[in-house]
């Protein structure tokens, strides 16, 4: 809304019947409860970070897949905005388990730009297929921007081939 005028592409919530948006309201309520449980009602993300607190966001992505992705993207956006607000020399570790839940251009942008702000991002995923989301393949971008790669037993042949191409191969000496 600009100056009290509704833009053509903007939809007023009052145009919907309550039954049409009750599911969305429930999801937002769950999101709000989980964020309050994680942060506490009287804490801000910036305050917790500047006090060197550990913050765990744990959203059940099996039970609430869309919600987990949406909330994850909101948290990542907040972390991007905090890069310039936090103390310059303070290091922040960001651990994203099951990275595919959050995978988007927003997180890639955070990874690319945040090193200069002392953010260290740790990503975990099962296969390179987890890096393909929303018609985007983030595989080359992610592997091109990380400095340390840790691999365990890789069972997916495509992932094994890709990782081998990243590390390079060498013939043993006789």
N, C-alpha and C. Protein backbone atom coordinates (compact mmCIF):
# COMPACT_ATOMS: atom_id res chain seq x y z
N UNK A 1 0.85 -1.16 0.00
CA UNK A 1 0.00 0.00 0.00
C UNK A 1 0.90 1.23 0.00
N UNK A 2 0.65 2.14 -0.91
CA UNK A 2 1.44 3.37 -1.01
C UNK A 2 0.49 4.54 -0.78
N UNK A 3 0.76 5.30 0.28
CA UNK A 3 -0.05 6.48 0.57
C UNK A 3 -1.53 6.17 0.72
N UNK A 4 -1.87 5.03 1.25
CA UNK A 4 -3.27 4.67 1.45
C UNK A 4 -3.94 4.11 0.21
N UNK A 5 -3.21 3.99 -0.89
CA UNK A 5 -3.77 3.46 -2.13
C UNK A 5 -3.30 2.02 -2.29
N UNK A 6 -4.24 1.12 -2.53
CA UNK A 6 -3.90 -0.29 -2.70
C UNK A 6 -3.36 -0.48 -4.11
N UNK A 7 -2.17 -1.05 -4.19
CA UNK A 7 -1.56 -1.34 -5.48
C UNK A 7 -2.35 -2.45 -6.18
N UNK A 8 -2.36 -2.48 -7.53
CA UNK A 8 -3.13 -3.49 -8.27
C UNK A 8 -2.75 -4.93 -7.93
N UNK A 9 -1.47 -5.19 -7.67
CA UNK A 9 -1.04 -6.56 -7.38
C UNK A 9 -1.20 -6.95 -5.92
N UNK A 10 -1.62 -6.01 -5.09
CA UNK A 10 -1.75 -6.28 -3.66
C UNK A 10 -3.17 -6.75 -3.37
N UNK A 11 -3.27 -7.79 -2.56
CA UNK A 11 -4.58 -8.35 -2.23
C UNK A 11 -4.87 -8.05 -0.78
N UNK A 12 -6.06 -7.55 -0.50
CA UNK A 12 -6.45 -7.29 0.87
C UNK A 12 -6.89 -8.58 1.52
N UNK A 13 -6.41 -8.82 2.75
CA UNK A 13 -6.83 -10.03 3.46
C UNK A 13 -8.32 -10.01 3.76
N UNK A 14 -8.90 -8.83 3.85
CA UNK A 14 -10.33 -8.76 4.15
C UNK A 14 -11.18 -9.30 2.99
N UNK A 15 -10.58 -9.49 1.83
CA UNK A 15 -11.30 -10.04 0.68
C UNK A 15 -11.47 -11.55 0.77
N UNK A 16 -10.82 -12.18 1.75
CA UNK A 16 -10.88 -13.63 1.89
C UNK A 16 -11.84 -14.01 2.99
N UNK A 17 -12.49 -15.13 2.81
CA UNK A 17 -13.29 -15.71 3.88
C UNK A 17 -12.33 -16.30 4.91
N UNK A 18 -12.74 -16.30 6.17
CA UNK A 18 -11.88 -16.82 7.23
C UNK A 18 -11.46 -18.25 6.96
N UNK A 19 -12.38 -19.06 6.46
CA UNK A 19 -12.07 -20.48 6.21
C UNK A 19 -10.99 -20.65 5.14
N UNK A 20 -10.83 -19.65 4.26
CA UNK A 20 -9.83 -19.74 3.21
C UNK A 20 -8.41 -19.48 3.72
N UNK A 21 -8.28 -18.76 4.82
CA UNK A 21 -6.95 -18.42 5.32
C UNK A 21 -6.66 -19.01 6.70
N UNK A 22 -7.55 -19.82 7.23
CA UNK A 22 -7.36 -20.37 8.57
C UNK A 22 -6.10 -21.25 8.63
N UNK A 23 -5.80 -22.00 7.58
CA UNK A 23 -4.60 -22.83 7.55
C UNK A 23 -3.34 -22.00 7.63
N UNK A 24 -3.32 -20.90 6.89
CA UNK A 24 -2.16 -20.01 6.92
C UNK A 24 -2.01 -19.39 8.30
N UNK A 25 -3.12 -19.02 8.91
CA UNK A 25 -3.08 -18.44 10.25
C UNK A 25 -2.52 -19.44 11.25
N UNK A 26 -2.93 -20.70 11.13
CA UNK A 26 -2.43 -21.74 12.04
C UNK A 26 -0.93 -21.92 11.87
N UNK A 27 -0.45 -21.92 10.62
CA UNK A 27 0.99 -22.06 10.38
C UNK A 27 1.77 -20.90 10.97
N UNK A 28 1.25 -19.68 10.81
CA UNK A 28 1.92 -18.52 11.38
C UNK A 28 1.92 -18.57 12.91
N UNK A 29 0.84 -19.09 13.49
CA UNK A 29 0.76 -19.22 14.94
C UNK A 29 1.81 -20.22 15.45
N UNK A 30 1.96 -21.33 14.75
CA UNK A 30 2.97 -22.33 15.10
C UNK A 30 4.36 -21.71 14.99
N UNK A 31 4.58 -20.98 13.92
CA UNK A 31 5.86 -20.30 13.71
C UNK A 31 6.15 -19.35 14.86
N UNK A 32 5.18 -18.56 15.24
CA UNK A 32 5.34 -17.60 16.32
C UNK A 32 5.66 -18.30 17.64
N UNK A 33 4.96 -19.38 17.93
CA UNK A 33 5.22 -20.13 19.16
C UNK A 33 6.64 -20.69 19.17
N UNK A 34 7.07 -21.26 18.04
CA UNK A 34 8.40 -21.85 17.99
C UNK A 34 9.48 -20.78 18.11
N UNK A 35 9.27 -19.63 17.49
CA UNK A 35 10.25 -18.55 17.61
C UNK A 35 10.30 -18.03 19.04
N UNK A 36 9.14 -17.90 19.68
CA UNK A 36 9.13 -17.46 21.08
C UNK A 36 9.84 -18.47 21.98
N UNK A 37 9.66 -19.76 21.70
CA UNK A 37 10.35 -20.78 22.49
C UNK A 37 11.85 -20.73 22.25
N UNK A 38 12.27 -20.44 21.02
CA UNK A 38 13.69 -20.40 20.70
C UNK A 38 14.36 -19.14 21.26
N UNK A 39 13.78 -18.00 20.97
CA UNK A 39 14.39 -16.73 21.37
C UNK A 39 13.95 -16.27 22.75
N UNK A 40 12.75 -16.63 23.14
CA UNK A 40 12.16 -16.06 24.35
C UNK A 40 11.43 -14.79 23.95
N UNK A 41 10.41 -14.46 24.67
CA UNK A 41 9.56 -13.33 24.27
C UNK A 41 10.26 -11.98 24.44
N UNK A 42 11.24 -11.89 25.32
CA UNK A 42 11.86 -10.60 25.60
C UNK A 42 13.24 -10.44 24.99
N UNK A 43 13.63 -11.31 24.09
CA UNK A 43 14.96 -11.25 23.50
C UNK A 43 14.88 -10.90 22.02
N UNK A 44 15.87 -10.16 21.57
CA UNK A 44 15.99 -9.92 20.13
C UNK A 44 17.18 -10.72 19.64
N UNK A 45 17.17 -11.04 18.37
CA UNK A 45 18.26 -11.80 17.78
C UNK A 45 19.58 -11.04 17.94
N UNK A 46 19.57 -9.75 17.69
CA UNK A 46 20.78 -8.93 17.83
C UNK A 46 21.31 -8.97 19.26
N UNK A 47 20.42 -8.84 20.23
CA UNK A 47 20.83 -8.85 21.64
C UNK A 47 21.47 -10.18 22.01
N UNK A 48 20.87 -11.27 21.57
CA UNK A 48 21.42 -12.60 21.87
C UNK A 48 22.78 -12.80 21.22
N UNK A 49 22.92 -12.32 19.99
CA UNK A 49 24.20 -12.47 19.28
C UNK A 49 25.29 -11.64 19.94
N UNK A 50 24.99 -10.40 20.29
CA UNK A 50 26.02 -9.56 20.91
C UNK A 50 26.41 -10.06 22.30
N UNK A 51 25.55 -10.84 22.94
CA UNK A 51 25.88 -11.44 24.24
C UNK A 51 26.52 -12.81 24.09
N UNK A 52 26.85 -13.19 22.85
CA UNK A 52 27.52 -14.46 22.55
C UNK A 52 26.69 -15.67 22.99
N UNK A 53 25.39 -15.59 22.83
CA UNK A 53 24.52 -16.70 23.21
C UNK A 53 24.40 -17.68 22.05
N UNK A 54 24.11 -18.91 22.38
CA UNK A 54 23.84 -19.93 21.37
C UNK A 54 22.34 -19.95 21.13
N UNK A 55 21.96 -19.91 19.87
CA UNK A 55 20.55 -19.91 19.52
C UNK A 55 20.29 -21.14 18.66
N UNK A 56 19.32 -21.93 19.05
CA UNK A 56 18.95 -23.11 18.28
C UNK A 56 17.55 -22.92 17.74
N UNK A 57 17.42 -22.97 16.43
CA UNK A 57 16.12 -22.97 15.79
C UNK A 57 15.89 -24.39 15.31
N UNK A 58 14.91 -25.03 15.85
CA UNK A 58 14.63 -26.41 15.47
C UNK A 58 13.16 -26.51 15.08
N UNK A 59 12.93 -26.57 13.79
CA UNK A 59 11.57 -26.66 13.28
C UNK A 59 11.43 -28.01 12.61
N UNK A 60 10.44 -28.74 12.98
CA UNK A 60 10.23 -30.08 12.45
C UNK A 60 9.89 -30.00 10.97
N UNK A 61 10.89 -30.23 10.11
CA UNK A 61 10.68 -30.10 8.67
C UNK A 61 9.90 -31.27 8.08
N UNK A 62 9.81 -32.37 8.81
CA UNK A 62 8.97 -33.48 8.33
C UNK A 62 7.50 -33.19 8.59
N UNK A 63 7.22 -32.61 9.74
CA UNK A 63 5.83 -32.31 10.09
C UNK A 63 5.35 -31.02 9.43
N UNK A 64 6.23 -30.02 9.33
CA UNK A 64 5.86 -28.72 8.77
C UNK A 64 6.86 -28.31 7.69
N UNK A 65 6.89 -29.00 6.55
CA UNK A 65 7.93 -28.71 5.55
C UNK A 65 7.89 -27.29 4.99
N UNK A 66 6.71 -26.80 4.66
CA UNK A 66 6.61 -25.44 4.10
C UNK A 66 6.95 -24.40 5.16
N UNK A 67 6.46 -24.62 6.36
CA UNK A 67 6.72 -23.69 7.45
C UNK A 67 8.21 -23.63 7.78
N UNK A 68 8.85 -24.78 7.85
CA UNK A 68 10.28 -24.83 8.17
C UNK A 68 11.08 -24.04 7.15
N UNK A 69 10.77 -24.23 5.88
CA UNK A 69 11.48 -23.49 4.83
C UNK A 69 11.23 -22.00 4.92
N UNK A 70 9.97 -21.62 5.15
CA UNK A 70 9.62 -20.20 5.22
C UNK A 70 10.27 -19.52 6.42
N UNK A 71 10.19 -20.16 7.58
CA UNK A 71 10.79 -19.58 8.79
C UNK A 71 12.31 -19.54 8.65
N UNK A 72 12.88 -20.59 8.09
CA UNK A 72 14.33 -20.60 7.86
C UNK A 72 14.77 -19.44 7.01
N UNK A 73 14.01 -19.14 5.97
CA UNK A 73 14.36 -18.02 5.09
C UNK A 73 14.23 -16.68 5.81
N UNK A 74 13.23 -16.57 6.69
CA UNK A 74 13.08 -15.34 7.48
C UNK A 74 14.28 -15.16 8.42
N UNK A 75 14.67 -16.23 9.08
CA UNK A 75 15.81 -16.16 10.01
C UNK A 75 17.09 -15.81 9.25
N UNK A 76 17.27 -16.41 8.08
CA UNK A 76 18.46 -16.11 7.27
C UNK A 76 18.45 -14.65 6.83
N UNK A 77 17.29 -14.13 6.47
CA UNK A 77 17.19 -12.72 6.09
C UNK A 77 17.57 -11.83 7.28
N UNK A 78 17.10 -12.20 8.47
CA UNK A 78 17.47 -11.44 9.68
C UNK A 78 18.98 -11.50 9.92
N UNK A 79 19.58 -12.66 9.73
CA UNK A 79 21.03 -12.79 9.92
C UNK A 79 21.79 -11.92 8.92
N UNK A 80 21.28 -11.82 7.70
CA UNK A 80 21.91 -10.95 6.71
C UNK A 80 21.86 -9.50 7.17
N UNK A 81 20.71 -9.10 7.69
CA UNK A 81 20.56 -7.71 8.14
C UNK A 81 21.43 -7.42 9.36
N UNK A 82 21.69 -8.43 10.18
CA UNK A 82 22.50 -8.24 11.39
C UNK A 82 23.99 -8.10 11.09
N UNK A 83 24.41 -8.42 9.87
CA UNK A 83 25.85 -8.36 9.56
C UNK A 83 26.43 -6.98 9.84
N UNK A 84 25.68 -5.94 9.59
CA UNK A 84 26.20 -4.59 9.79
C UNK A 84 25.88 -4.03 11.17
N UNK A 85 25.03 -4.71 11.94
CA UNK A 85 24.63 -4.20 13.25
C UNK A 85 25.45 -4.79 14.40
N UNK A 86 25.96 -5.99 14.21
CA UNK A 86 26.70 -6.65 15.29
C UNK A 86 28.10 -6.05 15.39
N UNK A 87 28.78 -6.25 16.53
CA UNK A 87 30.17 -5.77 16.65
C UNK A 87 31.04 -6.34 15.52
N UNK A 88 31.87 -5.51 14.92
CA UNK A 88 32.64 -5.86 13.73
C UNK A 88 33.50 -7.11 13.91
N UNK A 89 34.19 -7.23 15.03
CA UNK A 89 35.11 -8.35 15.23
C UNK A 89 34.46 -9.61 15.80
N UNK A 90 33.18 -9.55 16.10
CA UNK A 90 32.52 -10.72 16.68
C UNK A 90 32.28 -11.79 15.63
N UNK A 91 32.74 -13.00 15.93
CA UNK A 91 32.53 -14.13 15.02
C UNK A 91 31.18 -14.77 15.32
N UNK A 92 30.50 -15.15 14.28
CA UNK A 92 29.21 -15.82 14.40
C UNK A 92 29.29 -17.13 13.63
N UNK A 93 28.97 -18.22 14.28
CA UNK A 93 28.89 -19.52 13.62
C UNK A 93 27.43 -19.82 13.30
N UNK A 94 27.17 -20.14 12.06
CA UNK A 94 25.82 -20.51 11.63
C UNK A 94 25.89 -21.95 11.14
N UNK A 95 25.15 -22.82 11.78
CA UNK A 95 25.12 -24.23 11.41
C UNK A 95 23.75 -24.53 10.82
N UNK A 96 23.72 -24.94 9.58
CA UNK A 96 22.47 -25.26 8.90
C UNK A 96 22.44 -26.75 8.58
N UNK A 97 21.81 -27.50 9.46
CA UNK A 97 21.66 -28.94 9.25
C UNK A 97 20.49 -29.14 8.29
N UNK A 98 20.58 -30.15 7.46
CA UNK A 98 19.57 -30.37 6.42
C UNK A 98 19.40 -29.08 5.61
N UNK A 99 20.51 -28.63 5.06
CA UNK A 99 20.58 -27.36 4.35
C UNK A 99 19.51 -27.21 3.28
N UNK A 100 19.10 -28.32 2.66
CA UNK A 100 18.13 -28.25 1.58
C UNK A 100 16.82 -27.60 2.01
N UNK A 101 16.49 -27.63 3.30
CA UNK A 101 15.27 -26.99 3.79
C UNK A 101 15.36 -25.48 3.60
N UNK A 102 16.57 -24.91 3.70
CA UNK A 102 16.77 -23.47 3.61
C UNK A 102 17.30 -23.02 2.25
N UNK A 103 17.71 -23.96 1.43
CA UNK A 103 18.42 -23.62 0.19
C UNK A 103 17.64 -22.62 -0.65
N UNK A 104 18.28 -21.51 -0.94
CA UNK A 104 17.68 -20.47 -1.77
C UNK A 104 18.78 -19.48 -2.15
N UNK A 105 18.43 -18.55 -3.01
CA UNK A 105 19.40 -17.50 -3.37
C UNK A 105 19.77 -16.66 -2.16
N UNK A 106 18.83 -16.50 -1.23
CA UNK A 106 19.08 -15.70 -0.03
C UNK A 106 20.22 -16.27 0.79
N UNK A 107 20.22 -17.58 1.00
CA UNK A 107 21.27 -18.20 1.81
C UNK A 107 22.61 -18.17 1.07
N UNK A 108 22.58 -18.34 -0.24
CA UNK A 108 23.82 -18.27 -1.02
C UNK A 108 24.40 -16.86 -0.90
N UNK A 109 23.55 -15.87 -0.95
CA UNK A 109 23.99 -14.49 -0.79
C UNK A 109 24.60 -14.28 0.59
N UNK A 110 23.99 -14.86 1.62
CA UNK A 110 24.55 -14.77 2.98
C UNK A 110 25.93 -15.40 3.03
N UNK A 111 26.08 -16.58 2.45
CA UNK A 111 27.37 -17.28 2.46
C UNK A 111 28.42 -16.46 1.70
N UNK A 112 28.05 -15.93 0.55
CA UNK A 112 28.99 -15.16 -0.27
C UNK A 112 29.47 -13.89 0.41
N UNK A 113 28.57 -13.18 1.03
CA UNK A 113 28.87 -11.84 1.52
C UNK A 113 29.30 -11.80 2.99
N UNK A 114 28.95 -12.82 3.74
CA UNK A 114 29.10 -12.72 5.19
C UNK A 114 30.50 -13.02 5.72
N UNK A 115 31.36 -13.62 4.91
CA UNK A 115 32.71 -13.91 5.39
C UNK A 115 33.41 -12.65 5.87
N UNK A 116 33.20 -11.57 5.15
CA UNK A 116 33.84 -10.31 5.55
C UNK A 116 33.25 -9.74 6.84
N UNK A 117 32.11 -10.28 7.27
CA UNK A 117 31.49 -9.84 8.52
C UNK A 117 31.70 -10.86 9.64
N UNK A 118 32.66 -11.77 9.47
CA UNK A 118 33.00 -12.79 10.47
C UNK A 118 31.90 -13.81 10.73
N UNK A 119 31.11 -14.10 9.72
CA UNK A 119 30.15 -15.20 9.82
C UNK A 119 30.85 -16.44 9.27
N UNK A 120 30.70 -17.55 9.96
CA UNK A 120 31.21 -18.84 9.48
C UNK A 120 30.00 -19.74 9.31
N UNK A 121 29.77 -20.19 8.09
CA UNK A 121 28.59 -21.01 7.80
C UNK A 121 28.99 -22.47 7.64
N UNK A 122 28.29 -23.33 8.35
CA UNK A 122 28.49 -24.77 8.26
C UNK A 122 27.22 -25.36 7.67
N UNK A 123 27.35 -26.00 6.53
CA UNK A 123 26.19 -26.57 5.83
C UNK A 123 26.28 -28.08 5.84
N UNK A 124 25.17 -28.74 6.07
CA UNK A 124 25.17 -30.20 5.94
C UNK A 124 24.00 -30.62 5.07
N UNK A 125 24.27 -31.59 4.22
CA UNK A 125 23.24 -32.14 3.34
C UNK A 125 23.67 -33.54 2.95
N UNK A 126 22.75 -34.32 2.40
CA UNK A 126 23.02 -35.72 2.11
C UNK A 126 23.62 -35.92 0.71
N UNK A 127 23.00 -35.31 -0.30
CA UNK A 127 23.46 -35.48 -1.68
C UNK A 127 23.43 -34.13 -2.39
N UNK A 128 24.07 -34.06 -3.55
CA UNK A 128 24.05 -32.80 -4.30
C UNK A 128 22.65 -32.50 -4.82
N UNK A 129 21.79 -33.50 -4.90
CA UNK A 129 20.40 -33.24 -5.30
C UNK A 129 19.69 -32.36 -4.29
N UNK A 130 20.15 -32.36 -3.04
CA UNK A 130 19.57 -31.48 -2.03
C UNK A 130 19.85 -30.01 -2.32
N UNK A 131 20.78 -29.74 -3.21
CA UNK A 131 21.14 -28.36 -3.55
C UNK A 131 20.40 -27.86 -4.78
N UNK A 132 19.46 -28.65 -5.24
CA UNK A 132 18.63 -28.25 -6.38
C UNK A 132 17.24 -27.95 -5.85
N UNK A 133 16.84 -26.69 -5.96
CA UNK A 133 15.55 -26.29 -5.41
C UNK A 133 14.97 -25.14 -6.21
N UNK A 134 13.67 -25.10 -6.29
CA UNK A 134 12.96 -24.01 -6.97
C UNK A 134 13.55 -23.68 -8.35
N UNK A 135 13.74 -24.70 -9.15
CA UNK A 135 14.30 -24.53 -10.50
C UNK A 135 15.70 -23.92 -10.49
N UNK A 136 16.41 -24.06 -9.37
CA UNK A 136 17.78 -23.55 -9.28
C UNK A 136 18.69 -24.69 -8.85
N UNK A 137 19.87 -24.71 -9.44
CA UNK A 137 20.88 -25.68 -9.02
C UNK A 137 21.99 -24.90 -8.33
N UNK A 138 22.05 -25.03 -7.01
CA UNK A 138 23.02 -24.27 -6.21
C UNK A 138 24.33 -25.01 -6.00
N UNK A 139 24.47 -26.19 -6.59
CA UNK A 139 25.63 -27.05 -6.33
C UNK A 139 26.95 -26.33 -6.61
N UNK A 140 27.14 -25.85 -7.83
CA UNK A 140 28.41 -25.19 -8.18
C UNK A 140 28.64 -23.94 -7.35
N UNK A 141 27.58 -23.20 -7.08
CA UNK A 141 27.71 -21.97 -6.29
C UNK A 141 28.15 -22.28 -4.87
N UNK A 142 27.54 -23.29 -4.25
CA UNK A 142 27.90 -23.66 -2.88
C UNK A 142 29.33 -24.18 -2.84
N UNK A 143 29.65 -25.15 -3.69
CA UNK A 143 31.00 -25.73 -3.66
C UNK A 143 32.06 -24.71 -4.08
N UNK A 144 31.69 -23.73 -4.89
CA UNK A 144 32.63 -22.70 -5.30
C UNK A 144 32.93 -21.68 -4.21
N UNK A 145 32.10 -21.62 -3.19
CA UNK A 145 32.26 -20.61 -2.14
C UNK A 145 32.66 -21.16 -0.78
N UNK A 146 32.86 -22.46 -0.68
CA UNK A 146 33.27 -23.02 0.61
C UNK A 146 34.77 -23.27 0.60
N UNK A 147 35.37 -23.20 1.78
CA UNK A 147 36.81 -23.42 1.84
C UNK A 147 37.16 -24.78 2.41
N UNK A 148 36.25 -25.39 3.14
CA UNK A 148 36.51 -26.70 3.73
C UNK A 148 35.35 -27.63 3.40
N UNK A 149 35.68 -28.80 2.90
CA UNK A 149 34.66 -29.80 2.57
C UNK A 149 34.97 -31.06 3.37
N UNK A 150 33.98 -31.54 4.10
CA UNK A 150 34.13 -32.78 4.86
C UNK A 150 33.13 -33.77 4.28
N UNK A 151 33.63 -34.91 3.85
CA UNK A 151 32.77 -35.95 3.29
C UNK A 151 32.90 -37.22 4.10
N UNK A 152 31.79 -37.86 4.29
CA UNK A 152 31.79 -39.17 4.93
C UNK A 152 31.42 -40.19 3.86
N UNK A 153 30.88 -41.29 4.22
CA UNK A 153 30.53 -42.34 3.28
C UNK A 153 29.46 -41.84 2.30
N UNK A 154 29.84 -41.62 1.06
CA UNK A 154 28.90 -41.12 0.05
C UNK A 154 28.34 -42.31 -0.71
N UNK A 155 27.03 -42.49 -0.61
CA UNK A 155 26.40 -43.64 -1.26
C UNK A 155 25.77 -43.30 -2.60
N UNK A 156 25.54 -42.03 -2.84
CA UNK A 156 24.94 -41.60 -4.10
C UNK A 156 26.03 -41.45 -5.16
N UNK A 157 25.95 -42.20 -6.27
CA UNK A 157 27.01 -42.15 -7.29
C UNK A 157 27.20 -40.75 -7.90
N UNK A 158 26.11 -40.02 -8.12
CA UNK A 158 26.24 -38.68 -8.71
C UNK A 158 27.00 -37.74 -7.76
N UNK A 159 26.69 -37.84 -6.48
CA UNK A 159 27.38 -37.01 -5.49
C UNK A 159 28.85 -37.41 -5.41
N UNK A 160 29.13 -38.71 -5.41
CA UNK A 160 30.52 -39.19 -5.34
C UNK A 160 31.32 -38.67 -6.54
N UNK A 161 30.74 -38.74 -7.73
CA UNK A 161 31.43 -38.24 -8.93
C UNK A 161 31.67 -36.74 -8.85
N UNK A 162 30.66 -36.02 -8.39
CA UNK A 162 30.80 -34.57 -8.29
C UNK A 162 31.90 -34.19 -7.30
N UNK A 163 31.87 -34.81 -6.13
CA UNK A 163 32.87 -34.51 -5.11
C UNK A 163 34.27 -34.88 -5.61
N UNK A 164 34.39 -36.00 -6.31
CA UNK A 164 35.68 -36.39 -6.89
C UNK A 164 36.16 -35.34 -7.88
N UNK A 165 35.23 -34.77 -8.65
CA UNK A 165 35.63 -33.73 -9.61
C UNK A 165 36.06 -32.45 -8.90
N UNK A 166 35.47 -32.17 -7.74
CA UNK A 166 35.86 -30.99 -6.97
C UNK A 166 37.25 -31.18 -6.36
N UNK A 167 37.49 -32.36 -5.76
CA UNK A 167 38.78 -32.64 -5.15
C UNK A 167 39.86 -32.90 -6.19
N UNK A 168 39.46 -33.45 -7.32
CA UNK A 168 40.42 -33.86 -8.33
C UNK A 168 40.85 -35.29 -8.09
N UNK A 169 41.33 -35.91 -9.11
CA UNK A 169 41.79 -37.30 -8.97
C UNK A 169 43.26 -37.37 -9.34
N UNK A 170 43.93 -38.35 -8.82
CA UNK A 170 45.35 -38.50 -9.07
C UNK A 170 45.64 -39.99 -9.18
N UNK A 171 46.42 -40.35 -10.18
CA UNK A 171 46.80 -41.75 -10.33
C UNK A 171 47.92 -42.07 -9.35
N UNK A 172 47.84 -43.22 -8.71
CA UNK A 172 48.91 -43.58 -7.76
C UNK A 172 50.22 -43.84 -8.49
N UNK A 173 51.33 -43.53 -7.84
CA UNK A 173 52.66 -43.80 -8.41
C UNK A 173 52.96 -45.28 -8.27
N UNK A 174 53.66 -45.81 -9.24
CA UNK A 174 54.04 -47.24 -9.20
C UNK A 174 55.22 -47.45 -8.31
